[in-house]
C-alpha atoms as a PDB file:
ATOM      1  CA  UNK A   1     -17.050  -4.566  -8.994  1.00  0.00           C
ATOM      2  CA  UNK A   2     -18.957  -2.493  -6.498  1.00  0.00           C
ATOM      3  CA  UNK A   3     -18.043   1.159  -5.943  1.00  0.00           C
ATOM      4  CA  UNK A   4     -18.044   0.719  -2.150  1.00  0.00           C
ATOM      5  CA  UNK A   5     -15.051  -1.641  -2.204  1.00  0.00           C
ATOM      6  CA  UNK A   6     -11.714  -0.280  -1.015  1.00  0.00           C
ATOM      7  CA  UNK A   7      -9.417   0.143  -4.009  1.00  0.00           C
ATOM      8  CA  UNK A   8      -5.804  -0.814  -3.398  1.00  0.00           C
ATOM      9  CA  UNK A   9      -2.636   0.031  -5.296  1.00  0.00           C
ATOM     10  CA  UNK A  10       0.482  -2.030  -4.590  1.00  0.00           C
ATOM     11  CA  UNK A  11       3.928  -0.646  -5.352  1.00  0.00           C
ATOM     12  CA  UNK A  12       5.967  -3.582  -6.611  1.00  0.00           C
ATOM     13  CA  UNK A  13       5.279  -7.065  -7.932  1.00  0.00           C
ATOM     14  CA  UNK A  14       8.198  -9.110  -6.598  1.00  0.00           C
ATOM     15  CA  UNK A  15       9.668  -9.795  -3.189  1.00  0.00           C
ATOM     16  CA  UNK A  16       7.425  -8.847  -0.280  1.00  0.00           C
ATOM     17  CA  UNK A  17       4.952  -7.222  -2.681  1.00  0.00           C
ATOM     18  CA  UNK A  18       3.701 -10.755  -3.334  1.00  0.00           C
ATOM     19  CA  UNK A  19       2.484 -10.830   0.269  1.00  0.00           C
ATOM     20  CA  UNK A  20       0.636  -7.547  -0.230  1.00  0.00           C
ATOM     21  CA  UNK A  21      -0.929  -8.835  -3.428  1.00  0.00           C
ATOM     22  CA  UNK A  22      -2.064 -11.967  -1.575  1.00  0.00           C
ATOM     23  CA  UNK A  23      -3.545  -9.807   1.172  1.00  0.00           C
ATOM     24  CA  UNK A  24      -5.488  -7.762  -1.358  1.00  0.00           C
ATOM     25  CA  UNK A  25      -6.671 -11.010  -2.972  1.00  0.00           C
ATOM     26  CA  UNK A  26      -8.068 -12.007   0.442  1.00  0.00           C
ATOM     27  CA  UNK A  27     -10.057  -8.801   0.784  1.00  0.00           C
ATOM     28  CA  UNK A  28     -11.285  -9.289  -2.785  1.00  0.00           C
ATOM     29  CA  UNK A  29     -12.539 -12.752  -1.847  1.00  0.00           C
ATOM     30  CA  UNK A  30     -14.291 -11.238   1.176  1.00  0.00           C
ATOM     31  CA  UNK A  31     -15.969  -8.741  -1.152  1.00  0.00           C
ATOM     32  CA  UNK A  32     -14.654  -5.641   0.604  1.00  0.00           C
ATOM     33  CA  UNK A  33     -11.752  -4.571  -1.577  1.00  0.00           C
ATOM     34  CA  UNK A  34     -10.094  -4.907  -4.935  1.00  0.00           C
ATOM     35  CA  UNK A  35      -6.721  -4.545  -6.585  1.00  0.00           C
ATOM     36  CA  UNK A  36      -7.068  -1.391  -8.663  1.00  0.00           C
ATOM     37  CA  UNK A  37      -3.472  -0.686  -9.674  1.00  0.00           C
ATOM     38  CA  UNK A  38       0.149  -1.746  -9.329  1.00  0.00           C
ATOM     39  CA  UNK A  39       3.477  -0.096  -9.914  1.00  0.00           C
ATOM     40  CA  UNK A  40       5.972  -2.392 -11.586  1.00  0.00           C
ATOM     41  CA  UNK A  41       9.403  -1.131 -10.614  1.00  0.00           C
ATOM     42  CA  UNK A  42      11.314  -3.705 -12.691  1.00  0.00           C
ATOM     43  CA  UNK A  43       9.143  -4.520 -15.739  1.00  0.00           C
ATOM     44  CA  UNK A  44      11.698  -6.808 -17.387  1.00  0.00           C
ATOM     45  CA  UNK A  45      11.240  -9.275 -14.506  1.00  0.00           C
ATOM     46  CA  UNK A  46       7.428  -9.276 -14.579  1.00  0.00           C
ATOM     47  CA  UNK A  47       6.351  -9.339 -18.223  1.00  0.00           C
ATOM     48  CA  UNK A  48       3.784 -12.140 -17.796  1.00  0.00           C
ATOM     49  CA  UNK A  49       2.447 -10.782 -14.508  1.00  0.00           C
ATOM     50  CA  UNK A  50       1.892  -7.356 -16.060  1.00  0.00           C
ATOM     51  CA  UNK A  51      -0.041  -8.903 -18.965  1.00  0.00           C
ATOM     52  CA  UNK A  52      -2.127 -11.034 -16.591  1.00  0.00           C
ATOM     53  CA  UNK A  53      -2.961  -8.098 -14.319  1.00  0.00           C
ATOM     54  CA  UNK A  54      -3.956  -5.901 -17.248  1.00  0.00           C
ATOM     55  CA  UNK A  55      -6.223  -8.681 -18.540  1.00  0.00           C
ATOM     56  CA  UNK A  56      -7.955  -8.604 -15.131  1.00  0.00           C
ATOM     57  CA  UNK A  57      -8.557  -4.863 -15.416  1.00  0.00           C
ATOM     58  CA  UNK A  58      -5.754  -3.855 -13.047  1.00  0.00           C
ATOM     59  CA  UNK A  59      -3.981  -0.667 -14.057  1.00  0.00           C
ATOM     60  CA  UNK A  60      -0.195  -1.074 -14.346  1.00  0.00           C
ATOM     61  CA  UNK A  61       2.183   1.869 -13.906  1.00  0.00           C
ATOM     62  CA  UNK A  62       5.951   2.191 -14.224  1.00  0.00           C
ATOM     63  CA  UNK A  63       6.440   4.651 -11.366  1.00  0.00           C
ATOM     64  CA  UNK A  64       4.706   6.012  -8.280  1.00  0.00           C
ATOM     65  CA  UNK A  65       4.354   9.500  -9.740  1.00  0.00           C
ATOM     66  CA  UNK A  66       2.264   8.204 -12.639  1.00  0.00           C
ATOM     67  CA  UNK A  67       0.110   6.172 -10.249  1.00  0.00           C
ATOM     68  CA  UNK A  68      -0.590   9.156  -8.021  1.00  0.00           C
ATOM     69  CA  UNK A  69      -1.295  11.407 -10.986  1.00  0.00           C
ATOM     70  CA  UNK A  70      -3.837   8.904 -12.370  1.00  0.00           C
ATOM     71  CA  UNK A  71      -5.503   8.445  -8.955  1.00  0.00           C
ATOM     72  CA  UNK A  72      -8.611   6.373  -8.406  1.00  0.00           C
ATOM     73  CA  UNK A  73      -7.452   4.208  -5.501  1.00  0.00           C
ATOM     74  CA  UNK A  74      -8.077   4.556  -1.769  1.00  0.00           C
ATOM     75  CA  UNK A  75      -4.977   2.925  -0.259  1.00  0.00           C
ATOM     76  CA  UNK A  76      -1.403   2.649  -1.513  1.00  0.00           C
ATOM     77  CA  UNK A  77       0.667  -0.178  -0.068  1.00  0.00           C
ATOM     78  CA  UNK A  78       4.441   0.225  -0.033  1.00  0.00           C
ATOM     79  CA  UNK A  79       6.299  -3.099   0.254  1.00  0.00           C
ATOM     80  CA  UNK A  80       9.499  -1.340  -0.833  1.00  0.00           C
ATOM     81  CA  UNK A  81      13.016  -0.674   0.441  1.00  0.00           C
ATOM     82  CA  UNK A  82      13.389   1.060   3.791  1.00  0.00           C
ATOM     83  CA  UNK A  83      15.229   3.968   2.174  1.00  0.00           C
ATOM     84  CA  UNK A  84      12.013   4.916   0.306  1.00  0.00           C
ATOM     85  CA  UNK A  85       9.477   4.454   3.132  1.00  0.00           C
ATOM     86  CA  UNK A  86       9.352   8.026   4.410  1.00  0.00           C
ATOM     87  CA  UNK A  87       9.658   9.750   1.032  1.00  0.00           C
ATOM     88  CA  UNK A  88       6.960   7.700  -0.707  1.00  0.00           C
ATOM     89  CA  UNK A  89       4.638   7.541   2.312  1.00  0.00           C
ATOM     90  CA  UNK A  90       4.777  11.329   2.459  1.00  0.00           C
ATOM     91  CA  UNK A  91       4.196  11.650  -1.283  1.00  0.00           C
ATOM     92  CA  UNK A  92       1.188   9.298  -1.154  1.00  0.00           C
ATOM     93  CA  UNK A  93      -0.463  10.962   1.850  1.00  0.00           C
ATOM     94  CA  UNK A  94       0.095  14.426   0.382  1.00  0.00           C
ATOM     95  CA  UNK A  95      -1.550  13.200  -2.838  1.00  0.00           C
ATOM     96  CA  UNK A  96      -4.603  12.201  -0.782  1.00  0.00           C
ATOM     97  CA  UNK A  97      -4.165   8.470  -0.183  1.00  0.00           C
ATOM     98  CA  UNK A  98      -4.021   6.261   2.886  1.00  0.00           C
ATOM     99  CA  UNK A  99      -0.798   4.255   3.200  1.00  0.00           C
ATOM    100  CA  UNK A 100       0.279   0.817   4.377  1.00  0.00           C
ATOM    101  CA  UNK A 101       4.071   0.725   4.643  1.00  0.00           C
ATOM    102  CA  UNK A 102       6.351  -2.029   5.895  1.00  0.00           C
ATOM    103  CA  UNK A 103       8.627  -2.156   8.897  1.00  0.00           C
ATOM    104  CA  UNK A 104      10.976  -0.809   9.884  1.00  0.00           C
ATOM    105  CA  UNK A 105       9.344   2.502   9.125  1.00  0.00           C
ATOM    106  CA  UNK A 106      12.535   4.536   9.127  1.00  0.00           C
ATOM    107  CA  UNK A 107      15.979   4.853  10.611  1.00  0.00           C
ATOM    108  CA  UNK A 108      15.520   8.023  12.641  1.00  0.00           C
ATOM    109  CA  UNK A 109      12.934   9.234  15.118  1.00  0.00           C
ATOM    110  CA  UNK A 110      12.869  12.588  13.330  1.00  0.00           C
ATOM    111  CA  UNK A 111      11.634  10.879  10.152  1.00  0.00           C
ATOM    112  CA  UNK A 112       8.853   9.193  12.109  1.00  0.00           C
ATOM    113  CA  UNK A 113       7.913  12.544  13.623  1.00  0.00           C
ATOM    114  CA  UNK A 114       7.823  14.065  10.126  1.00  0.00           C
ATOM    115  CA  UNK A 115       5.416  11.332   9.008  1.00  0.00           C
ATOM    116  CA  UNK A 116       3.213  11.995  12.026  1.00  0.00           C
ATOM    117  CA  UNK A 117       3.112  15.653  10.984  1.00  0.00           C
ATOM    118  CA  UNK A 118       2.172  14.689   7.405  1.00  0.00           C
ATOM    119  CA  UNK A 119      -0.533  12.346   8.719  1.00  0.00           C
ATOM    120  CA  UNK A 120      -1.966  15.066  10.947  1.00  0.00           C
ATOM    121  CA  UNK A 121      -1.821  17.701   8.210  1.00  0.00           C
ATOM    122  CA  UNK A 122      -3.388  15.523   5.498  1.00  0.00           C
ATOM    123  CA  UNK A 123      -5.833  13.570   7.674  1.00  0.00           C
ATOM    124  CA  UNK A 124      -4.706  10.357   5.966  1.00  0.00           C
ATOM    125  CA  UNK A 125      -4.036   7.097   7.773  1.00  0.00           C
ATOM    126  CA  UNK A 126      -0.637   5.446   7.729  1.00  0.00           C
ATOM    127  CA  UNK A 127      -0.308   1.866   8.968  1.00  0.00           C
ATOM    128  CA  UNK A 128       2.925  -0.016   9.494  1.00  0.00           C
ATOM    129  CA  UNK A 129       2.852  -3.700   8.538  1.00  0.00           C
ATOM    130  CA  UNK A 130       3.718  -5.550  11.720  1.00  0.00           C
ATOM    131  CA  UNK A 131       2.315  -8.966  10.725  1.00  0.00           C
ATOM    132  CA  UNK A 132      -0.609  -9.510  13.098  1.00  0.00           C
ATOM    133  CA  UNK A 133      -0.564  -6.179  14.929  1.00  0.00           C
ATOM    134  CA  UNK A 134      -3.930  -5.159  13.489  1.00  0.00           C
ATOM    135  CA  UNK A 135      -5.637  -8.540  13.776  1.00  0.00           C
ATOM    136  CA  UNK A 136      -8.787  -8.803  15.857  1.00  0.00           C
ATOM    137  CA  UNK A 137      -7.106 -11.178  18.318  1.00  0.00           C
ATOM    138  CA  UNK A 138      -4.186  -8.852  18.994  1.00  0.00           C
ATOM    139  CA  UNK A 139      -6.517  -5.861  19.305  1.00  0.00           C
ATOM    140  CA  UNK A 140      -8.665  -7.742  21.850  1.00  0.00           C
ATOM    141  CA  UNK A 141      -5.567  -8.710  23.844  1.00  0.00           C
ATOM    142  CA  UNK A 142      -4.387  -5.102  23.858  1.00  0.00           C
ATOM    143  CA  UNK A 143      -7.785  -3.959  25.108  1.00  0.00           C
ATOM    144  CA  UNK A 144      -7.700  -6.508  27.951  1.00  0.00           C
ATOM    145  CA  UNK A 145      -4.205  -5.527  29.022  1.00  0.00           C
END
């Protein structure tokens, strides 16, 4: 694959992570990105998926720390529990990666403000997955309004 493609890492293989994996598959088909790595939080439930991903050249990790230490990706997506959004988004941005995290972002305004500070300090982008919020149609409507 080309070096100019955006390399994605997805944390999780089940639940909503399947949606993130499908989204990355779409950018792969468009030729602009690729699935570089995944973190499998519950390996006993994803034995076959782990084998299949490895056979496709996708790196598979057991925890986020190992993923960040290995590096090599551009964006880390976090389709994980709300209780981990702020902690892992911070950890990923501080390690030098852009982040796509799911909604709701957090339970307290102070946590959101802390993430804004981390974003500003690291210069990394953090996006919150609000379905079609970033689609071209929605962006055009926002511009018109």
